Amino acid sequence: FKINNIKEILNEVNASFIIDVEKSLNCGLRRIRKDTFDIILLDMSMPTFSITDSQNFDSYGGKTFLKEMKRKIIEIPVIVITQYDIFGEGNSQKTAEDLDEEFKKSFSNYKGMVKYSSIQNDWKTHLKQALIKLN
């Protein structure tokens, strides 16, 4: 549902976008190592391997993805899209705002965070604005 909502916004901004979707951290990392993209819309929390294996869910998967991009010197612009306000547990817990600030300081290709909601529509405007800024 979330993917389809995001695709609708992408098509509103530019109907000629070619959209590829990877549904796990490792699949996405393999793709960016071999293919080139104009932009990456990245979920913050994602499965590590298979979307059917709930044992391997990484609440900081987006951060891991950005770190790997930096390590491999992959400078594709990234917008993080998340529906969560808090990530991690215990002492490693961070808010979306904390992560946004950290990413701005640590990753030159990071272009911002959009808070997705299946109930409210303001995320659509934020995503459109972020995409337009990149053009």
N, C-alpha and C. Protein backbone atom coordinates (compact mmCIF):
# COMPACT_ATOMS: atom_id res chain seq x y z
N PHE A 1 0.82 -1.19 0.00
CA PHE A 1 0.00 0.00 0.00
C PHE A 1 0.87 1.26 0.00
N LYS A 2 1.87 1.26 0.88
CA LYS A 2 2.78 2.41 0.98
C LYS A 2 3.53 2.62 -0.34
N ILE A 3 4.03 1.54 -0.92
CA ILE A 3 4.77 1.64 -2.18
C ILE A 3 3.87 2.22 -3.27
N ASN A 4 2.65 1.74 -3.37
CA ASN A 4 1.72 2.25 -4.39
C ASN A 4 1.41 3.73 -4.19
N ASN A 5 1.25 4.15 -2.92
CA ASN A 5 1.01 5.58 -2.64
C ASN A 5 2.19 6.43 -3.08
N ILE A 6 3.39 5.95 -2.81
CA ILE A 6 4.59 6.70 -3.20
C ILE A 6 4.71 6.74 -4.72
N LYS A 7 4.42 5.64 -5.39
CA LYS A 7 4.46 5.62 -6.86
C LYS A 7 3.50 6.63 -7.46
N GLU A 8 2.33 6.78 -6.87
CA GLU A 8 1.35 7.76 -7.36
C GLU A 8 1.93 9.17 -7.31
N ILE A 9 2.60 9.49 -6.22
CA ILE A 9 3.20 10.82 -6.09
C ILE A 9 4.31 11.01 -7.11
N LEU A 10 5.14 10.00 -7.28
CA LEU A 10 6.21 10.08 -8.27
C LEU A 10 5.64 10.33 -9.66
N ASN A 11 4.58 9.65 -10.00
CA ASN A 11 3.95 9.84 -11.31
C ASN A 11 3.31 11.21 -11.46
N GLU A 12 2.82 11.79 -10.36
CA GLU A 12 2.28 13.14 -10.41
C GLU A 12 3.39 14.16 -10.67
N VAL A 13 4.54 13.94 -10.07
CA VAL A 13 5.67 14.85 -10.24
C VAL A 13 6.26 14.72 -11.64
N ASN A 14 6.40 13.48 -12.11
CA ASN A 14 6.98 13.24 -13.43
C ASN A 14 6.52 11.86 -13.92
N ALA A 15 5.61 11.85 -14.86
CA ALA A 15 5.03 10.59 -15.36
C ALA A 15 6.04 9.73 -16.09
N SER A 16 7.19 10.29 -16.44
CA SER A 16 8.19 9.49 -17.17
C SER A 16 9.22 8.85 -16.23
N PHE A 17 9.05 9.01 -14.92
CA PHE A 17 9.96 8.33 -13.99
C PHE A 17 9.92 6.83 -14.24
N ILE A 18 11.06 6.21 -14.23
CA ILE A 18 11.15 4.75 -14.24
C ILE A 18 11.40 4.34 -12.80
N ILE A 19 10.50 3.56 -12.25
CA ILE A 19 10.53 3.24 -10.83
C ILE A 19 10.91 1.78 -10.64
N ASP A 20 11.97 1.55 -9.87
CA ASP A 20 12.38 0.20 -9.47
C ASP A 20 12.20 0.08 -7.97
N VAL A 21 11.76 -1.07 -7.51
CA VAL A 21 11.53 -1.28 -6.08
C VAL A 21 12.31 -2.50 -5.62
N GLU A 22 13.05 -2.33 -4.54
CA GLU A 22 13.68 -3.45 -3.85
C GLU A 22 13.09 -3.48 -2.45
N LYS A 23 12.81 -4.67 -1.94
CA LYS A 23 12.07 -4.77 -0.68
C LYS A 23 12.88 -5.27 0.50
N SER A 24 14.21 -5.24 0.37
CA SER A 24 15.05 -5.59 1.51
C SER A 24 16.37 -4.83 1.42
N LEU A 25 17.03 -4.72 2.55
CA LEU A 25 18.30 -4.00 2.63
C LEU A 25 19.33 -4.60 1.68
N ASN A 26 19.53 -5.88 1.73
CA ASN A 26 20.56 -6.50 0.91
C ASN A 26 20.25 -6.44 -0.58
N CYS A 27 18.98 -6.58 -0.96
CA CYS A 27 18.61 -6.46 -2.37
C CYS A 27 18.88 -5.04 -2.86
N GLY A 28 18.55 -4.05 -2.05
CA GLY A 28 18.80 -2.67 -2.43
C GLY A 28 20.28 -2.37 -2.56
N LEU A 29 21.08 -2.88 -1.63
CA LEU A 29 22.53 -2.66 -1.69
C LEU A 29 23.13 -3.30 -2.93
N ARG A 30 22.68 -4.49 -3.29
CA ARG A 30 23.17 -5.12 -4.53
C ARG A 30 22.85 -4.26 -5.75
N ARG A 31 21.63 -3.71 -5.77
CA ARG A 31 21.22 -2.89 -6.92
C ARG A 31 22.06 -1.64 -7.09
N ILE A 32 22.34 -0.93 -5.98
CA ILE A 32 23.09 0.33 -6.12
C ILE A 32 24.56 0.08 -6.47
N ARG A 33 25.03 -1.12 -6.22
CA ARG A 33 26.41 -1.44 -6.60
C ARG A 33 26.55 -1.67 -8.09
N LYS A 34 25.46 -2.09 -8.74
CA LYS A 34 25.57 -2.42 -10.17
C LYS A 34 24.79 -1.49 -11.10
N ASP A 35 23.79 -0.77 -10.58
CA ASP A 35 22.98 0.11 -11.42
C ASP A 35 23.08 1.56 -10.94
N THR A 36 22.74 2.48 -11.83
CA THR A 36 22.75 3.90 -11.50
C THR A 36 21.31 4.41 -11.44
N PHE A 37 21.06 5.28 -10.48
CA PHE A 37 19.72 5.85 -10.31
C PHE A 37 19.84 7.35 -10.14
N ASP A 38 18.77 8.08 -10.47
CA ASP A 38 18.74 9.52 -10.29
C ASP A 38 18.45 9.90 -8.85
N ILE A 39 17.66 9.07 -8.17
CA ILE A 39 17.29 9.32 -6.78
C ILE A 39 16.90 8.00 -6.13
N ILE A 40 17.09 7.95 -4.83
CA ILE A 40 16.66 6.78 -4.06
C ILE A 40 15.70 7.27 -2.98
N LEU A 41 14.52 6.66 -2.94
CA LEU A 41 13.58 6.87 -1.85
C LEU A 41 13.75 5.67 -0.93
N LEU A 42 14.18 5.92 0.28
CA LEU A 42 14.65 4.87 1.17
C LEU A 42 13.80 4.79 2.42
N ASP A 43 13.30 3.61 2.71
CA ASP A 43 12.59 3.40 3.97
C ASP A 43 13.63 3.30 5.09
N MET A 44 13.32 3.80 6.26
CA MET A 44 14.27 3.73 7.36
C MET A 44 14.34 2.33 7.94
N SER A 45 13.22 1.69 8.11
CA SER A 45 13.17 0.35 8.68
C SER A 45 12.79 -0.64 7.59
N MET A 46 13.55 -1.73 7.51
CA MET A 46 13.30 -2.68 6.43
C MET A 46 13.84 -4.06 6.79
N PRO A 47 13.35 -5.07 6.08
CA PRO A 47 13.92 -6.41 6.27
C PRO A 47 15.36 -6.43 5.78
N THR A 48 16.19 -7.22 6.43
CA THR A 48 17.58 -7.33 6.02
C THR A 48 17.70 -8.17 4.75
N PHE A 49 17.01 -9.30 4.74
CA PHE A 49 17.11 -10.21 3.59
C PHE A 49 15.78 -10.32 2.88
N SER A 50 14.98 -11.27 3.26
CA SER A 50 13.72 -11.53 2.58
C SER A 50 12.58 -10.85 3.31
N ILE A 51 11.62 -10.32 2.56
CA ILE A 51 10.49 -9.66 3.19
C ILE A 51 9.61 -10.63 3.98
N THR A 52 9.78 -11.93 3.77
CA THR A 52 8.99 -12.91 4.50
C THR A 52 9.66 -13.36 5.78
N ASP A 53 10.90 -12.96 6.02
CA ASP A 53 11.65 -13.39 7.19
C ASP A 53 11.66 -12.28 8.23
N SER A 54 10.68 -12.31 9.15
CA SER A 54 10.55 -11.23 10.13
C SER A 54 11.66 -11.26 11.18
N GLN A 55 12.45 -12.33 11.24
CA GLN A 55 13.56 -12.41 12.18
C GLN A 55 14.66 -11.43 11.83
N ASN A 56 14.76 -11.03 10.58
CA ASN A 56 15.86 -10.20 10.11
C ASN A 56 15.39 -8.80 9.75
N PHE A 57 14.63 -8.17 10.62
CA PHE A 57 14.14 -6.82 10.39
C PHE A 57 15.09 -5.83 11.04
N ASP A 58 15.52 -4.81 10.30
CA ASP A 58 16.49 -3.83 10.79
C ASP A 58 15.81 -2.47 10.91
N SER A 59 15.58 -2.02 12.16
CA SER A 59 14.91 -0.73 12.34
C SER A 59 15.80 0.43 11.91
N TYR A 60 17.13 0.19 11.77
CA TYR A 60 18.05 1.20 11.27
C TYR A 60 18.58 0.82 9.88
N GLY A 61 17.80 0.08 9.11
CA GLY A 61 18.23 -0.34 7.78
C GLY A 61 18.58 0.81 6.86
N GLY A 62 17.83 1.90 6.94
CA GLY A 62 18.13 3.07 6.11
C GLY A 62 19.49 3.66 6.44
N LYS A 63 19.83 3.70 7.71
CA LYS A 63 21.13 4.20 8.14
C LYS A 63 22.24 3.29 7.63
N THR A 64 22.03 2.00 7.72
CA THR A 64 23.01 1.03 7.20
C THR A 64 23.20 1.24 5.71
N PHE A 65 22.11 1.46 5.00
CA PHE A 65 22.15 1.69 3.55
C PHE A 65 22.97 2.94 3.23
N LEU A 66 22.70 4.03 3.94
CA LEU A 66 23.44 5.28 3.72
C LEU A 66 24.93 5.11 4.04
N LYS A 67 25.25 4.39 5.10
CA LYS A 67 26.66 4.14 5.44
C LYS A 67 27.37 3.38 4.32
N GLU A 68 26.68 2.39 3.77
CA GLU A 68 27.28 1.60 2.69
C GLU A 68 27.46 2.45 1.44
N MET A 69 26.51 3.32 1.15
CA MET A 69 26.65 4.22 0.01
C MET A 69 27.87 5.12 0.20
N LYS A 70 28.05 5.64 1.41
CA LYS A 70 29.19 6.51 1.69
C LYS A 70 30.49 5.73 1.55
N ARG A 71 30.52 4.52 2.08
CA ARG A 71 31.72 3.68 2.02
C ARG A 71 32.11 3.37 0.58
N LYS A 72 31.11 3.14 -0.27
CA LYS A 72 31.36 2.80 -1.68
C LYS A 72 31.42 4.04 -2.58
N ILE A 73 31.32 5.23 -1.97
CA ILE A 73 31.34 6.51 -2.69
C ILE A 73 30.27 6.53 -3.79
N ILE A 74 29.04 6.22 -3.38
CA ILE A 74 27.88 6.29 -4.27
C ILE A 74 27.11 7.54 -3.88
N GLU A 75 27.08 8.53 -4.76
CA GLU A 75 26.54 9.85 -4.45
C GLU A 75 25.13 10.09 -4.99
N ILE A 76 24.32 9.08 -5.09
CA ILE A 76 22.93 9.24 -5.54
C ILE A 76 22.15 9.94 -4.42
N PRO A 77 21.37 10.99 -4.75
CA PRO A 77 20.56 11.66 -3.73
C PRO A 77 19.55 10.69 -3.09
N VAL A 78 19.39 10.82 -1.78
CA VAL A 78 18.50 9.94 -1.02
C VAL A 78 17.51 10.77 -0.21
N ILE A 79 16.24 10.39 -0.31
CA ILE A 79 15.20 10.91 0.57
C ILE A 79 14.69 9.72 1.38
N VAL A 80 14.70 9.85 2.69
CA VAL A 80 14.19 8.79 3.56
C VAL A 80 12.70 9.02 3.76
N ILE A 81 11.93 7.95 3.61
CA ILE A 81 10.49 8.00 3.85
C ILE A 81 10.19 7.01 4.96
N THR A 82 9.60 7.49 6.04
CA THR A 82 9.30 6.60 7.17
C THR A 82 7.96 6.95 7.79
N GLN A 83 7.34 5.97 8.37
CA GLN A 83 6.08 6.23 9.06
C GLN A 83 6.27 6.16 10.57
N TYR A 84 7.50 5.92 11.02
CA TYR A 84 7.77 5.80 12.45
C TYR A 84 8.36 7.08 13.02
N ASP A 85 8.10 7.31 14.30
CA ASP A 85 8.67 8.45 15.01
C ASP A 85 9.87 8.05 15.85
N ILE A 86 9.92 6.79 16.25
CA ILE A 86 10.99 6.30 17.12
C ILE A 86 11.55 5.01 16.54
N PHE A 87 12.90 4.90 16.60
CA PHE A 87 13.60 3.73 16.06
C PHE A 87 14.48 3.12 17.13
N GLY A 88 14.68 1.81 17.04
CA GLY A 88 15.55 1.11 17.97
C GLY A 88 14.89 0.90 19.32
N GLU A 89 15.69 0.34 20.23
CA GLU A 89 15.19 0.04 21.57
C GLU A 89 16.23 0.43 22.60
N GLY A 90 15.76 0.69 23.81
CA GLY A 90 16.67 0.96 24.92
C GLY A 90 17.59 2.13 24.67
N ASN A 91 18.88 1.93 24.96
CA ASN A 91 19.87 2.99 24.83
C ASN A 91 20.13 3.39 23.38
N SER A 92 19.81 2.51 22.43
CA SER A 92 20.06 2.83 21.02
C SER A 92 18.87 3.53 20.37
N GLN A 93 17.82 3.79 21.14
CA GLN A 93 16.61 4.40 20.60
C GLN A 93 16.87 5.84 20.17
N LYS A 94 16.33 6.18 18.99
CA LYS A 94 16.45 7.55 18.46
C LYS A 94 15.12 7.95 17.83
N THR A 95 14.88 9.26 17.83
CA THR A 95 13.68 9.77 17.18
C THR A 95 13.99 10.03 15.70
N ALA A 96 12.95 10.20 14.92
CA ALA A 96 13.12 10.54 13.51
C ALA A 96 13.86 11.86 13.37
N GLU A 97 13.59 12.80 14.25
CA GLU A 97 14.27 14.10 14.22
C GLU A 97 15.76 13.95 14.52
N ASP A 98 16.10 13.09 15.50
CA ASP A 98 17.51 12.83 15.81
C ASP A 98 18.23 12.27 14.58
N LEU A 99 17.59 11.30 13.93
CA LEU A 99 18.21 10.69 12.75
C LEU A 99 18.34 11.68 11.60
N ASP A 100 17.33 12.51 11.42
CA ASP A 100 17.38 13.52 10.36
C ASP A 100 18.60 14.43 10.57
N GLU A 101 18.81 14.90 11.77
CA GLU A 101 19.97 15.76 12.07
C GLU A 101 21.29 15.01 11.86
N GLU A 102 21.33 13.78 12.34
CA GLU A 102 22.54 12.96 12.18
C GLU A 102 22.86 12.74 10.70
N PHE A 103 21.86 12.43 9.91
CA PHE A 103 22.06 12.16 8.49
C PHE A 103 22.51 13.41 7.75
N LYS A 104 21.96 14.58 8.10
CA LYS A 104 22.36 15.83 7.47
C LYS A 104 23.85 16.09 7.67
N LYS A 105 24.35 15.73 8.85
CA LYS A 105 25.77 15.95 9.17
C LYS A 105 26.68 14.89 8.56
N SER A 106 26.17 13.67 8.41
CA SER A 106 27.03 12.54 8.05
C SER A 106 27.02 12.15 6.57
N PHE A 107 25.95 12.46 5.85
CA PHE A 107 25.82 11.96 4.48
C PHE A 107 25.51 13.11 3.52
N SER A 108 26.45 13.41 2.65
CA SER A 108 26.28 14.53 1.72
C SER A 108 25.15 14.29 0.71
N ASN A 109 24.81 13.04 0.45
CA ASN A 109 23.76 12.72 -0.51
C ASN A 109 22.37 12.67 0.12
N TYR A 110 22.28 12.83 1.43
CA TYR A 110 21.00 12.81 2.14
C TYR A 110 20.27 14.13 1.90
N LYS A 111 19.04 14.04 1.40
CA LYS A 111 18.27 15.22 1.03
C LYS A 111 17.03 15.45 1.88
N GLY A 112 16.88 14.70 2.95
CA GLY A 112 15.78 14.95 3.86
C GLY A 112 14.94 13.74 4.16
N MET A 113 14.02 13.92 5.11
CA MET A 113 13.15 12.85 5.57
C MET A 113 11.70 13.28 5.40
N VAL A 114 10.89 12.37 4.93
CA VAL A 114 9.45 12.58 4.78
C VAL A 114 8.75 11.61 5.70
N LYS A 115 7.83 12.12 6.53
CA LYS A 115 7.07 11.28 7.45
C LYS A 115 5.79 10.82 6.75
N TYR A 116 5.76 9.55 6.36
CA TYR A 116 4.62 8.95 5.67
C TYR A 116 3.47 8.70 6.64
N SER A 117 2.26 8.84 6.16
CA SER A 117 1.07 8.50 6.95
C SER A 117 0.00 7.94 6.01
N SER A 118 -0.60 6.84 6.43
CA SER A 118 -1.70 6.29 5.63
C SER A 118 -3.01 7.02 5.91
N ILE A 119 -3.01 7.88 6.93
CA ILE A 119 -4.22 8.59 7.33
C ILE A 119 -4.21 10.04 6.84
N GLN A 120 -3.08 10.73 7.04
CA GLN A 120 -2.98 12.13 6.64
C GLN A 120 -2.27 12.24 5.30
N ASN A 121 -2.50 13.35 4.61
CA ASN A 121 -1.94 13.52 3.27
C ASN A 121 -0.80 14.53 3.17
N ASP A 122 -0.40 15.16 4.27
CA ASP A 122 0.64 16.19 4.18
C ASP A 122 1.98 15.63 3.73
N TRP A 123 2.22 14.34 3.94
CA TRP A 123 3.47 13.72 3.48
C TRP A 123 3.61 13.84 1.96
N LYS A 124 2.47 13.81 1.26
CA LYS A 124 2.50 13.90 -0.20
C LYS A 124 3.08 15.24 -0.65
N THR A 125 2.66 16.31 0.00
CA THR A 125 3.18 17.64 -0.32
C THR A 125 4.67 17.71 -0.01
N HIS A 126 5.09 17.17 1.13
CA HIS A 126 6.50 17.18 1.52
C HIS A 126 7.35 16.40 0.52
N LEU A 127 6.86 15.25 0.09
CA LEU A 127 7.60 14.45 -0.88
C LEU A 127 7.70 15.18 -2.23
N LYS A 128 6.59 15.74 -2.68
CA LYS A 128 6.61 16.50 -3.94
C LYS A 128 7.62 17.63 -3.88
N GLN A 129 7.61 18.38 -2.78
CA GLN A 129 8.56 19.50 -2.63
C GLN A 129 10.00 19.02 -2.65
N ALA A 130 10.28 17.91 -1.96
CA ALA A 130 11.64 17.37 -1.93
C ALA A 130 12.08 16.93 -3.31
N LEU A 131 11.19 16.30 -4.08
CA LEU A 131 11.52 15.85 -5.42
C LEU A 131 11.74 17.03 -6.37
N ILE A 132 10.91 18.05 -6.25
CA ILE A 132 11.04 19.23 -7.11
C ILE A 132 12.37 19.94 -6.85
N LYS A 133 12.78 20.01 -5.58
CA LYS A 133 14.05 20.63 -5.22
C LYS A 133 15.23 19.95 -5.93
N LEU A 134 15.12 18.67 -6.17
CA LEU A 134 16.21 17.91 -6.77
C LEU A 134 16.30 18.12 -8.28
N ASN A 135 15.23 18.57 -8.90
CA ASN A 135 15.23 18.79 -10.36
C ASN A 135 15.84 20.09 -10.76
